[in-house]
Amino acid sequence: MKNQNQNQDQANLIGKYVNRVLYSDVDPVGKIVEIKGKYKAILRVVVPSENKIKMDFVVGGFSAHCINNNNQEYDFFETDELIEISLSETNMKNNFLRIGDKPRKHYDYNF
């Protein structure tokens, strides 16, 4: 019974996105297109566009403070490149990978 539930859970991952979260920065990795075996996934690499919002800086912090840091907006594009990753709990934790419904990109200008 556990294997059936696990296979169903893995099938639900197809179409989800993997993002790398490094403290306050987030970068898209790819879209899950196939599950191989117990812990492997094939991803179609996703790349973000340039930030579409003009960032506003004022004097402060080390040199400047971005007052609209949370208003960043990106378009995302799937490439033809495929990569294989491990979805094991250890790999996800050690590489700061998170699975979500959409790709995400955020650069912390105020770090």
PDB file of N, CA and C in Angstrom:
ATOM      1  N   MET A   1       0.826  -1.196   0.000  1.00  0.00           N
ATOM      2  CA  MET A   1       0.000   0.000   0.000  1.00  0.00           C
ATOM      3  C   MET A   1       0.871   1.261   0.000  1.00  0.00           C
ATOM      4  N   LYS A   2       1.982   1.236   0.761  1.00  0.00           N
ATOM      5  CA  LYS A   2       2.851   2.406   0.826  1.00  0.00           C
ATOM      6  C   LYS A   2       3.431   2.726  -0.549  1.00  0.00           C
ATOM      7  N   ASN A   3       3.870   1.695  -1.308  1.00  0.00           N
ATOM      8  CA  ASN A   3       4.436   1.925  -2.633  1.00  0.00           C
ATOM      9  C   ASN A   3       3.424   2.565  -3.577  1.00  0.00           C
ATOM     10  N   GLN A   4       2.157   2.158  -3.493  1.00  0.00           N
ATOM     11  CA  GLN A   4       1.127   2.725  -4.343  1.00  0.00           C
ATOM     12  C   GLN A   4       0.949   4.216  -4.036  1.00  0.00           C
ATOM     13  N   ASN A   5       0.908   4.578  -2.764  1.00  0.00           N
ATOM     14  CA  ASN A   5       0.783   5.985  -2.383  1.00  0.00           C
ATOM     15  C   ASN A   5       2.017   6.776  -2.803  1.00  0.00           C
ATOM     16  N   GLN A   6       3.194   6.166  -2.642  1.00  0.00           N
ATOM     17  CA  GLN A   6       4.430   6.846  -3.014  1.00  0.00           C
ATOM     18  C   GLN A   6       4.465   7.103  -4.520  1.00  0.00           C
ATOM     19  N   ASN A   7       4.055   6.107  -5.328  1.00  0.00           N
ATOM     20  CA  ASN A   7       4.026   6.288  -6.781  1.00  0.00           C
ATOM     21  C   ASN A   7       3.044   7.379  -7.176  1.00  0.00           C
ATOM     22  N   GLN A   8       1.898   7.430  -6.493  1.00  0.00           N
ATOM     23  CA  GLN A   8       0.904   8.451  -6.772  1.00  0.00           C
ATOM     24  C   GLN A   8       1.457   9.835  -6.416  1.00  0.00           C
ATOM     25  N   ASP A   9       2.135   9.954  -5.276  1.00  0.00           N
ATOM     26  CA  ASP A   9       2.740  11.226  -4.869  1.00  0.00           C
ATOM     27  C   ASP A   9       3.790  11.675  -5.883  1.00  0.00           C
ATOM     28  N   GLN A  10       4.607  10.738  -6.354  1.00  0.00           N
ATOM     29  CA  GLN A  10       5.637  11.078  -7.323  1.00  0.00           C
ATOM     30  C   GLN A  10       5.015  11.521  -8.643  1.00  0.00           C
ATOM     31  N   ALA A  11       3.946  10.870  -9.074  1.00  0.00           N
ATOM     32  CA  ALA A  11       3.270  11.259 -10.308  1.00  0.00           C
ATOM     33  C   ALA A  11       2.712  12.674 -10.197  1.00  0.00           C
ATOM     34  N   ASN A  12       2.295  13.078  -9.005  1.00  0.00           N
ATOM     35  CA  ASN A  12       1.772  14.427  -8.789  1.00  0.00           C
ATOM     36  C   ASN A  12       2.857  15.489  -8.901  1.00  0.00           C
ATOM     37  N   LEU A  13       4.133  15.100  -8.867  1.00  0.00           N
ATOM     38  CA  LEU A  13       5.232  16.056  -8.977  1.00  0.00           C
ATOM     39  C   LEU A  13       5.464  16.514 -10.413  1.00  0.00           C
ATOM     40  N   ILE A  14       5.019  15.726 -11.379  1.00  0.00           N
ATOM     41  CA  ILE A  14       5.226  16.098 -12.784  1.00  0.00           C
ATOM     42  C   ILE A  14       4.475  17.395 -13.065  1.00  0.00           C
ATOM     43  N   GLY A  15       5.194  18.360 -13.626  1.00  0.00           N
ATOM     44  CA  GLY A  15       4.629  19.679 -13.901  1.00  0.00           C
ATOM     45  C   GLY A  15       4.939  20.701 -12.820  1.00  0.00           C
ATOM     46  N   LYS A  16       5.481  20.244 -11.691  1.00  0.00           N
ATOM     47  CA  LYS A  16       5.872  21.167 -10.617  1.00  0.00           C
ATOM     48  C   LYS A  16       7.264  21.717 -10.930  1.00  0.00           C
ATOM     49  N   TYR A  17       7.655  22.733 -10.191  1.00  0.00           N
ATOM     50  CA  TYR A  17       8.928  23.405 -10.418  1.00  0.00           C
ATOM     51  C   TYR A  17       9.862  23.217  -9.225  1.00  0.00           C
ATOM     52  N   VAL A  18      11.144  23.130  -9.516  1.00  0.00           N
ATOM     53  CA  VAL A  18      12.166  23.059  -8.479  1.00  0.00           C
ATOM     54  C   VAL A  18      12.886  24.405  -8.465  1.00  0.00           C
ATOM     55  N   ASN A  19      12.956  25.002  -7.284  1.00  0.00           N
ATOM     56  CA  ASN A  19      13.638  26.280  -7.087  1.00  0.00           C
ATOM     57  C   ASN A  19      14.717  26.097  -6.025  1.00  0.00           C
ATOM     58  N   ARG A  20      15.827  26.792  -6.191  1.00  0.00           N
ATOM     59  CA  ARG A  20      16.908  26.764  -5.200  1.00  0.00           C
ATOM     60  C   ARG A  20      16.774  28.008  -4.328  1.00  0.00           C
ATOM     61  N   VAL A  21      16.625  27.794  -3.025  1.00  0.00           N
ATOM     62  CA  VAL A  21      16.468  28.881  -2.064  1.00  0.00           C
ATOM     63  C   VAL A  21      17.761  29.007  -1.282  1.00  0.00           C
ATOM     64  N   LEU A  22      18.454  30.123  -1.465  1.00  0.00           N
ATOM     65  CA  LEU A  22      19.693  30.383  -0.747  1.00  0.00           C
ATOM     66  C   LEU A  22      19.488  31.612   0.128  1.00  0.00           C
ATOM     67  N   TYR A  23      19.065  31.355   1.343  1.00  0.00           N
ATOM     68  CA  TYR A  23      18.757  32.413   2.304  1.00  0.00           C
ATOM     69  C   TYR A  23      17.627  33.277   1.752  1.00  0.00           C
ATOM     70  N   SER A  24      17.877  34.523   1.363  1.00  0.00           N
ATOM     71  CA  SER A  24      16.788  35.359   0.866  1.00  0.00           C
ATOM     72  C   SER A  24      16.733  35.408  -0.664  1.00  0.00           C
ATOM     73  N   ASP A  25      17.667  34.755  -1.345  1.00  0.00           N
ATOM     74  CA  ASP A  25      17.651  34.686  -2.806  1.00  0.00           C
ATOM     75  C   ASP A  25      16.981  33.393  -3.257  1.00  0.00           C
ATOM     76  N   VAL A  26      16.263  33.459  -4.374  1.00  0.00           N
ATOM     77  CA  VAL A  26      15.604  32.285  -4.946  1.00  0.00           C
ATOM     78  C   VAL A  26      15.891  32.271  -6.440  1.00  0.00           C
ATOM     79  N   ASP A  27      16.270  31.103  -6.969  1.00  0.00           N
ATOM     80  CA  ASP A  27      16.522  30.936  -8.395  1.00  0.00           C
ATOM     81  C   ASP A  27      15.785  29.704  -8.903  1.00  0.00           C
ATOM     82  N   PRO A  28      15.185  29.782 -10.092  1.00  0.00           N
ATOM     83  CA  PRO A  28      14.529  28.602 -10.648  1.00  0.00           C
ATOM     84  C   PRO A  28      15.570  27.595 -11.132  1.00  0.00           C
ATOM     85  N   VAL A  29      15.251  26.310 -10.998  1.00  0.00           N
ATOM     86  CA  VAL A  29      16.122  25.259 -11.511  1.00  0.00           C
ATOM     87  C   VAL A  29      15.478  24.636 -12.737  1.00  0.00           C
ATOM     88  N   GLY A  30      14.241  24.147 -12.581  1.00  0.00           N
ATOM     89  CA  GLY A  30      13.581  23.532 -13.720  1.00  0.00           C
ATOM     90  C   GLY A  30      12.199  23.006 -13.398  1.00  0.00           C
ATOM     91  N   LYS A  31      11.553  22.506 -14.447  1.00  0.00           N
ATOM     92  CA  LYS A  31      10.211  21.932 -14.350  1.00  0.00           C
ATOM     93  C   LYS A  31      10.340  20.416 -14.423  1.00  0.00           C
ATOM     94  N   ILE A  32       9.696  19.713 -13.511  1.00  0.00           N
ATOM     95  CA  ILE A  32       9.753  18.253 -13.477  1.00  0.00           C
ATOM     96  C   ILE A  32       8.936  17.709 -14.644  1.00  0.00           C
ATOM     97  N   VAL A  33       9.599  16.949 -15.529  1.00  0.00           N
ATOM     98  CA  VAL A  33       8.918  16.375 -16.689  1.00  0.00           C
ATOM     99  C   VAL A  33       8.833  14.854 -16.618  1.00  0.00           C
ATOM    100  N   GLU A  34       9.645  14.241 -15.738  1.00  0.00           N
ATOM    101  CA  GLU A  34       9.635  12.781 -15.632  1.00  0.00           C
ATOM    102  C   GLU A  34      10.209  12.361 -14.287  1.00  0.00           C
ATOM    103  N   ILE A  35       9.659  11.306 -13.737  1.00  0.00           N
ATOM    104  CA  ILE A  35      10.198  10.700 -12.515  1.00  0.00           C
ATOM    105  C   ILE A  35      10.831   9.376 -12.911  1.00  0.00           C
ATOM    106  N   LYS A  36      12.086   9.164 -12.499  1.00  0.00           N
ATOM    107  CA  LYS A  36      12.798   7.925 -12.802  1.00  0.00           C
ATOM    108  C   LYS A  36      13.110   7.210 -11.502  1.00  0.00           C
ATOM    109  N   GLY A  37      12.531   6.057 -11.333  1.00  0.00           N
ATOM    110  CA  GLY A  37      12.821   5.286 -10.138  1.00  0.00           C
ATOM    111  C   GLY A  37      12.260   5.930  -8.888  1.00  0.00           C
ATOM    112  N   LYS A  38      12.942   5.679  -7.780  1.00  0.00           N
ATOM    113  CA  LYS A  38      12.427   6.113  -6.482  1.00  0.00           C
ATOM    114  C   LYS A  38      12.735   7.580  -6.167  1.00  0.00           C
ATOM    115  N   TYR A  39      13.934   8.061  -6.537  1.00  0.00           N
ATOM    116  CA  TYR A  39      14.347   9.407  -6.123  1.00  0.00           C
ATOM    117  C   TYR A  39      14.831  10.310  -7.252  1.00  0.00           C
ATOM    118  N   LYS A  40      14.852   9.859  -8.479  1.00  0.00           N
ATOM    119  CA  LYS A  40      15.397  10.666  -9.575  1.00  0.00           C
ATOM    120  C   LYS A  40      14.278  11.369 -10.337  1.00  0.00           C
ATOM    121  N   ALA A  41      14.578  12.598 -10.763  1.00  0.00           N
ATOM    122  CA  ALA A  41      13.640  13.362 -11.569  1.00  0.00           C
ATOM    123  C   ALA A  41      14.385  13.996 -12.733  1.00  0.00           C
ATOM    124  N   ILE A  42      13.708  14.061 -13.876  1.00  0.00           N
ATOM    125  CA  ILE A  42      14.238  14.752 -15.036  1.00  0.00           C
ATOM    126  C   ILE A  42      13.564  16.127 -15.072  1.00  0.00           C
ATOM    127  N   LEU A  43      14.385  17.174 -15.160  1.00  0.00           N
ATOM    128  CA  LEU A  43      13.880  18.544 -15.182  1.00  0.00           C
ATOM    129  C   LEU A  43      14.196  19.203 -16.504  1.00  0.00           C
ATOM    130  N   ARG A  44      13.260  19.996 -17.007  1.00  0.00           N
ATOM    131  CA  ARG A  44      13.523  20.887 -18.134  1.00  0.00           C
ATOM    132  C   ARG A  44      13.977  22.201 -17.509  1.00  0.00           C
ATOM    133  N   VAL A  45      15.175  22.640 -17.840  1.00  0.00           N
ATOM    134  CA  VAL A  45      15.766  23.829 -17.235  1.00  0.00           C
ATOM    135  C   VAL A  45      14.898  25.050 -17.532  1.00  0.00           C
ATOM    136  N   VAL A  46      14.678  25.859 -16.495  1.00  0.00           N
ATOM    137  CA  VAL A  46      13.906  27.095 -16.598  1.00  0.00           C
ATOM    138  C   VAL A  46      14.830  28.265 -16.295  1.00  0.00           C
ATOM    139  N   VAL A  47      14.787  29.279 -17.153  1.00  0.00           N
ATOM    140  CA  VAL A  47      15.613  30.476 -16.944  1.00  0.00           C
ATOM    141  C   VAL A  47      14.703  31.702 -16.823  1.00  0.00           C
ATOM    142  N   PRO A  48      15.094  32.642 -15.958  1.00  0.00           N
ATOM    143  CA  PRO A  48      14.300  33.866 -15.816  1.00  0.00           C
ATOM    144  C   PRO A  48      14.762  34.940 -16.804  1.00  0.00           C
ATOM    145  N   SER A  49      13.856  35.873 -17.095  1.00  0.00           N
ATOM    146  CA  SER A  49      14.224  37.044 -17.881  1.00  0.00           C
ATOM    147  C   SER A  49      14.938  38.022 -16.960  1.00  0.00           C
ATOM    148  N   GLU A  50      15.311  39.160 -17.503  1.00  0.00           N
ATOM    149  CA  GLU A  50      15.799  40.255 -16.664  1.00  0.00           C
ATOM    150  C   GLU A  50      14.618  40.773 -15.844  1.00  0.00           C
ATOM    151  N   ASN A  51      14.907  41.333 -14.693  1.00  0.00           N
ATOM    152  CA  ASN A  51      13.874  41.924 -13.850  1.00  0.00           C
ATOM    153  C   ASN A  51      13.168  43.020 -14.649  1.00  0.00           C
ATOM    154  N   LYS A  52      11.833  42.971 -14.686  1.00  0.00           N
ATOM    155  CA  LYS A  52      11.061  43.937 -15.472  1.00  0.00           C
ATOM    156  C   LYS A  52      10.759  45.221 -14.702  1.00  0.00           C
ATOM    157  N   ILE A  53      11.079  45.249 -13.427  1.00  0.00           N
ATOM    158  CA  ILE A  53      10.797  46.408 -12.581  1.00  0.00           C
ATOM    159  C   ILE A  53      12.082  47.196 -12.361  1.00  0.00           C
ATOM    160  N   LYS A  54      12.023  48.514 -12.485  1.00  0.00           N
ATOM    161  CA  LYS A  54      13.182  49.349 -12.176  1.00  0.00           C
ATOM    162  C   LYS A  54      13.302  49.430 -10.654  1.00  0.00           C
ATOM    163  N   MET A  55      14.445  49.049 -10.151  1.00  0.00           N
ATOM    164  CA  MET A  55      14.661  49.042  -8.711  1.00  0.00           C
ATOM    165  C   MET A  55      15.054  50.447  -8.256  1.00  0.00           C
ATOM    166  N   ASP A  56      14.456  50.879  -7.135  1.00  0.00           N
ATOM    167  CA  ASP A  56      14.707  52.218  -6.593  1.00  0.00           C
ATOM    168  C   ASP A  56      15.594  52.124  -5.358  1.00  0.00           C
ATOM    169  N   PHE A  57      16.713  52.830  -5.391  1.00  0.00           N
ATOM    170  CA  PHE A  57      17.676  52.793  -4.301  1.00  0.00           C
ATOM    171  C   PHE A  57      17.771  54.167  -3.638  1.00  0.00           C
ATOM    172  N   VAL A  58      17.908  54.144  -2.309  1.00  0.00           N
ATOM    173  CA  VAL A  58      18.164  55.363  -1.535  1.00  0.00           C
ATOM    174  C   VAL A  58      19.409  55.115  -0.698  1.00  0.00           C
ATOM    175  N   VAL A  59      20.080  56.188  -0.309  1.00  0.00           N
ATOM    176  CA  VAL A  59      21.293  56.073   0.490  1.00  0.00           C
ATOM    177  C   VAL A  59      20.964  55.398   1.819  1.00  0.00           C
ATOM    178  N   GLY A  60      21.789  54.424   2.203  1.00  0.00           N
ATOM    179  CA  GLY A  60      21.595  53.706   3.456  1.00  0.00           C
ATOM    180  C   GLY A  60      22.261  52.341   3.397  1.00  0.00           C
ATOM    181  N   GLY A  61      22.308  51.638   4.510  1.00  0.00           N
ATOM    182  CA  GLY A  61      22.959  50.329   4.544  1.00  0.00           C
ATOM    183  C   GLY A  61      24.435  50.471   4.251  1.00  0.00           C
ATOM    184  N   PHE A  62      25.039  49.494   3.536  1.00  0.00           N
ATOM    185  CA  PHE A  62      26.445  49.596   3.176  1.00  0.00           C
ATOM    186  C   PHE A  62      26.665  50.695   2.154  1.00  0.00           C
ATOM    187  N   SER A  63      25.768  50.780   1.176  1.00  0.00           N
ATOM    188  CA  SER A  63      25.885  51.842   0.184  1.00  0.00           C
ATOM    189  C   SER A  63      24.510  52.383  -0.206  1.00  0.00           C
ATOM    190  N   ALA A  64      23.533  51.488  -0.303  1.00  0.00           N
ATOM    191  CA  ALA A  64      22.181  51.914  -0.690  1.00  0.00           C
ATOM    192  C   ALA A  64      21.166  50.893  -0.186  1.00  0.00           C
ATOM    193  N   HIS A  65      19.933  51.330  -0.118  1.00  0.00           N
ATOM    194  CA  HIS A  65      18.825  50.473   0.296  1.00  0.00           C
ATOM    195  C   HIS A  65      17.797  50.475  -0.837  1.00  0.00           C
ATOM    196  N   CYS A  66      17.381  49.285  -1.261  1.00  0.00           N
ATOM    197  CA  CYS A  66      16.390  49.167  -2.331  1.00  0.00           C
ATOM    198  C   CYS A  66      14.998  49.215  -1.700  1.00  0.00           C
ATOM    199  N   ILE A  67      14.251  50.276  -1.986  1.00  0.00           N
ATOM    200  CA  ILE A  67      12.960  50.455  -1.311  1.00  0.00           C
ATOM    201  C   ILE A  67      11.836  49.635  -1.938  1.00  0.00           C
ATOM    202  N   ASN A  68      12.031  49.105  -3.142  1.00  0.00           N
ATOM    203  CA  ASN A  68      11.008  48.256  -3.756  1.00  0.00           C
ATOM    204  C   ASN A  68      11.547  46.851  -4.042  1.00  0.00           C
ATOM    205  N   ASN A  69      12.344  46.345  -3.127  1.00  0.00           N
ATOM    206  CA  ASN A  69      12.993  45.040  -3.256  1.00  0.00           C
ATOM    207  C   ASN A  69      12.007  43.902  -3.506  1.00  0.00           C
ATOM    208  N   ASN A  70      10.813  43.972  -2.934  1.00  0.00           N
ATOM    209  CA  ASN A  70       9.841  42.880  -3.079  1.00  0.00           C
ATOM    210  C   ASN A  70       8.937  43.021  -4.302  1.00  0.00           C
ATOM    211  N   ASN A  71       9.185  44.000  -5.144  1.00  0.00           N
ATOM    212  CA  ASN A  71       8.347  44.211  -6.326  1.00  0.00           C
ATOM    213  C   ASN A  71       8.948  43.617  -7.597  1.00  0.00           C
ATOM    214  N   GLN A  72       9.937  42.776  -7.477  1.00  0.00           N
ATOM    215  CA  GLN A  72      10.598  42.207  -8.642  1.00  0.00           C
ATOM    216  C   GLN A  72       9.609  41.371  -9.462  1.00  0.00           C
ATOM    217  N   GLU A  73       9.791  41.418 -10.781  1.00  0.00           N
ATOM    218  CA  GLU A  73       8.900  40.674 -11.674  1.00  0.00           C
ATOM    219  C   GLU A  73       9.715  40.093 -12.824  1.00  0.00           C
ATOM    220  N   TYR A  74       9.520  38.819 -13.080  1.00  0.00           N
ATOM    221  CA  TYR A  74      10.283  38.119 -14.113  1.00  0.00           C
ATOM    222  C   TYR A  74       9.347  37.302 -14.995  1.00  0.00           C
ATOM    223  N   ASP A  75       9.764  37.080 -16.232  1.00  0.00           N
ATOM    224  CA  ASP A  75       9.143  36.082 -17.094  1.00  0.00           C
ATOM    225  C   ASP A  75      10.061  34.865 -17.037  1.00  0.00           C
ATOM    226  N   PHE A  76       9.492  33.676 -17.212  1.00  0.00           N
ATOM    227  CA  PHE A  76      10.275  32.449 -17.151  1.00  0.00           C
ATOM    228  C   PHE A  76      10.148  31.699 -18.464  1.00  0.00           C
ATOM    229  N   PHE A  77      11.259  31.109 -18.897  1.00  0.00           N
ATOM    230  CA  PHE A  77      11.310  30.402 -20.164  1.00  0.00           C
ATOM    231  C   PHE A  77      11.893  29.015 -19.950  1.00  0.00           C
ATOM    232  N   GLU A  78      11.220  28.010 -20.516  1.00  0.00           N
ATOM    233  CA  GLU A  78      11.738  26.651 -20.479  1.00  0.00           C
ATOM    234  C   GLU A  78      12.700  26.473 -21.644  1.00  0.00           C
ATOM    235  N   THR A  79      13.851  25.885 -21.367  1.00  0.00           N
ATOM    236  CA  THR A  79      14.835  25.629 -22.412  1.00  0.00           C
ATOM    237  C   THR A  79      14.679  24.191 -22.905  1.00  0.00           C
ATOM    238  N   ASP A  80      15.491  23.812 -23.870  1.00  0.00           N
ATOM    239  CA  ASP A  80      15.489  22.426 -24.359  1.00  0.00           C
ATOM    240  C   ASP A  80      16.386  21.535 -23.511  1.00  0.00           C
ATOM    241  N   GLU A  81      17.154  22.135 -22.610  1.00  0.00           N
ATOM    242  CA  GLU A  81      18.109  21.385 -21.794  1.00  0.00           C
ATOM    243  C   GLU A  81      17.384  20.585 -20.702  1.00  0.00           C
ATOM    244  N   LEU A  82      17.747  19.315 -20.578  1.00  0.00           N
ATOM    245  CA  LEU A  82      17.207  18.447 -19.535  1.00  0.00           C
ATOM    246  C   LEU A  82      18.323  18.094 -18.564  1.00  0.00           C
ATOM    247  N   ILE A  83      18.004  18.084 -17.277  1.00  0.00           N
ATOM    248  CA  ILE A  83      18.962  17.666 -16.261  1.00  0.00           C
ATOM    249  C   ILE A  83      18.298  16.640 -15.351  1.00  0.00           C
ATOM    250  N   GLU A  84      19.103  15.838 -14.707  1.00  0.00           N
ATOM    251  CA  GLU A  84      18.599  14.833 -13.770  1.00  0.00           C
ATOM    252  C   GLU A  84      19.042  15.219 -12.370  1.00  0.00           C
ATOM    253  N   ILE A  85      18.111  15.191 -11.429  1.00  0.00           N
ATOM    254  CA  ILE A  85      18.456  15.479 -10.039  1.00  0.00           C
ATOM    255  C   ILE A  85      17.886  14.392  -9.144  1.00  0.00           C
ATOM    256  N   SER A  86      18.417  14.324  -7.955  1.00  0.00           N
ATOM    257  CA  SER A  86      17.904  13.410  -6.944  1.00  0.00           C
ATOM    258  C   SER A  86      16.893  14.149  -6.085  1.00  0.00           C
ATOM    259  N   LEU A  87      15.746  13.537  -5.875  1.00  0.00           N
ATOM    260  CA  LEU A  87      14.719  14.115  -5.013  1.00  0.00           C
ATOM    261  C   LEU A  87      14.791  13.555  -3.596  1.00  0.00           C
ATOM    262  N   SER A  88      15.929  12.948  -3.258  1.00  0.00           N
ATOM    263  CA  SER A  88      16.073  12.408  -1.908  1.00  0.00           C
ATOM    264  C   SER A  88      16.015  13.548  -0.903  1.00  0.00           C
ATOM    265  N   GLU A  89      15.564  13.246   0.274  1.00  0.00           N
ATOM    266  CA  GLU A  89      15.443  14.262   1.323  1.00  0.00           C
ATOM    267  C   GLU A  89      16.787  14.935   1.598  1.00  0.00           C
ATOM    268  N   THR A  90      17.859  14.148   1.612  1.00  0.00           N
ATOM    269  CA  THR A  90      19.198  14.685   1.873  1.00  0.00           C
ATOM    270  C   THR A  90      19.620  15.662   0.780  1.00  0.00           C
ATOM    271  N   ASN A  91      19.436  15.274  -0.481  1.00  0.00           N
ATOM    272  CA  ASN A  91      19.824  16.161  -1.583  1.00  0.00           C
ATOM    273  C   ASN A  91      19.002  17.440  -1.574  1.00  0.00           C
ATOM    274  N   MET A  92      17.708  17.314  -1.340  1.00  0.00           N
ATOM    275  CA  MET A  92      16.853  18.503  -1.328  1.00  0.00           C
ATOM    276  C   MET A  92      17.297  19.460  -0.222  1.00  0.00           C
ATOM    277  N   LYS A  93      17.622  18.910   0.941  1.00  0.00           N
ATOM    278  CA  LYS A  93      18.036  19.745   2.080  1.00  0.00           C
ATOM    279  C   LYS A  93      19.418  20.354   1.848  1.00  0.00           C
ATOM    280  N   ASN A  94      20.383  19.528   1.421  1.00  0.00           N
ATOM    281  CA  ASN A  94      21.763  19.998   1.251  1.00  0.00           C
ATOM    282  C   ASN A  94      21.918  21.005   0.117  1.00  0.00           C
ATOM    283  N   ASN A  95      21.080  20.921  -0.885  1.00  0.00           N
ATOM    284  CA  ASN A  95      21.170  21.831  -2.024  1.00  0.00           C
ATOM    285  C   ASN A  95      20.102  22.918  -1.989  1.00  0.00           C
ATOM    286  N   PHE A  96      19.400  23.024  -0.864  1.00  0.00           N
ATOM    287  CA  PHE A  96      18.399  24.076  -0.648  1.00  0.00           C
ATOM    288  C   PHE A  96      17.321  24.085  -1.735  1.00  0.00           C
ATOM    289  N   LEU A  97      16.932  22.895  -2.194  1.00  0.00           N
ATOM    290  CA  LEU A  97      15.939  22.786  -3.256  1.00  0.00           C
ATOM    291  C   LEU A  97      14.537  22.689  -2.666  1.00  0.00           C
ATOM    292  N   ARG A  98      13.588  23.374  -3.299  1.00  0.00           N
ATOM    293  CA  ARG A  98      12.191  23.352  -2.878  1.00  0.00           C
ATOM    294  C   ARG A  98      11.317  23.125  -4.106  1.00  0.00           C
ATOM    295  N   ILE A  99      10.250  22.370  -3.939  1.00  0.00           N
ATOM    296  CA  ILE A  99       9.308  22.101  -5.022  1.00  0.00           C
ATOM    297  C   ILE A  99       8.107  23.019  -4.857  1.00  0.00           C
ATOM    298  N   GLY A 100       7.682  23.646  -5.953  1.00  0.00           N
ATOM    299  CA  GLY A 100       6.541  24.557  -5.903  1.00  0.00           C
ATOM    300  C   GLY A 100       5.704  24.488  -7.165  1.00  0.00           C
ATOM    301  N   ASP A 101       4.608  25.214  -7.153  1.00  0.00           N
ATOM    302  CA  ASP A 101       3.685  25.223  -8.287  1.00  0.00           C
ATOM    303  C   ASP A 101       4.137  26.131  -9.422  1.00  0.00           C
ATOM    304  N   LYS A 102       5.098  27.013  -9.166  1.00  0.00           N
ATOM    305  CA  LYS A 102       5.572  27.916 -10.210  1.00  0.00           C
ATOM    306  C   LYS A 102       7.051  28.208  -9.990  1.00  0.00           C
ATOM    307  N   PRO A 103       7.742  28.617 -11.050  1.00  0.00           N
ATOM    308  CA  PRO A 103       9.144  28.996 -10.870  1.00  0.00           C
ATOM    309  C   PRO A 103       9.212  30.322 -10.123  1.00  0.00           C
ATOM    310  N   ARG A 104      10.285  30.488  -9.364  1.00  0.00           N
ATOM    311  CA  ARG A 104      10.449  31.728  -8.590  1.00  0.00           C
ATOM    312  C   ARG A 104      11.840  32.278  -8.795  1.00  0.00           C
ATOM    313  N   LYS A 105      11.937  33.589  -8.756  1.00  0.00           N
ATOM    314  CA  LYS A 105      13.223  34.287  -8.821  1.00  0.00           C
ATOM    315  C   LYS A 105      13.116  35.503  -7.902  1.00  0.00           C
ATOM    316  N   HIS A 106      14.091  35.661  -7.037  1.00  0.00           N
ATOM    317  CA  HIS A 106      14.154  36.838  -6.172  1.00  0.00           C
ATOM    318  C   HIS A 106      15.620  37.092  -5.833  1.00  0.00           C
ATOM    319  N   TYR A 107      16.077  38.294  -6.090  1.00  0.00           N
ATOM    320  CA  TYR A 107      17.432  38.682  -5.716  1.00  0.00           C
ATOM    321  C   TYR A 107      17.300  39.714  -4.604  1.00  0.00           C
ATOM    322  N   ASP A 108      17.964  39.477  -3.495  1.00  0.00           N
ATOM    323  CA  ASP A 108      17.870  40.391  -2.361  1.00  0.00           C
ATOM    324  C   ASP A 108      18.900  41.505  -2.521  1.00  0.00           C
ATOM    325  N   TYR A 109      18.426  42.642  -2.992  1.00  0.00           N
ATOM    326  CA  TYR A 109      19.300  43.808  -3.169  1.00  0.00           C
ATOM    327  C   TYR A 109      19.735  44.413  -1.855  1.00  0.00           C
ATOM    328  N   ASN A 110      19.057  44.066  -0.759  1.00  0.00           N
ATOM    329  CA  ASN A 110      19.350  44.669   0.536  1.00  0.00           C
ATOM    330  C   ASN A 110      20.191  43.780   1.427  1.00  0.00           C
ATOM    331  N   PHE A 111      20.838  42.789   0.884  1.00  0.00           N
ATOM    332  CA  PHE A 111      21.637  41.885   1.710  1.00  0.00           C
ATOM    333  C   PHE A 111      22.882  42.570   2.183  1.00  0.00           C
TER     334      PHE A 111
END
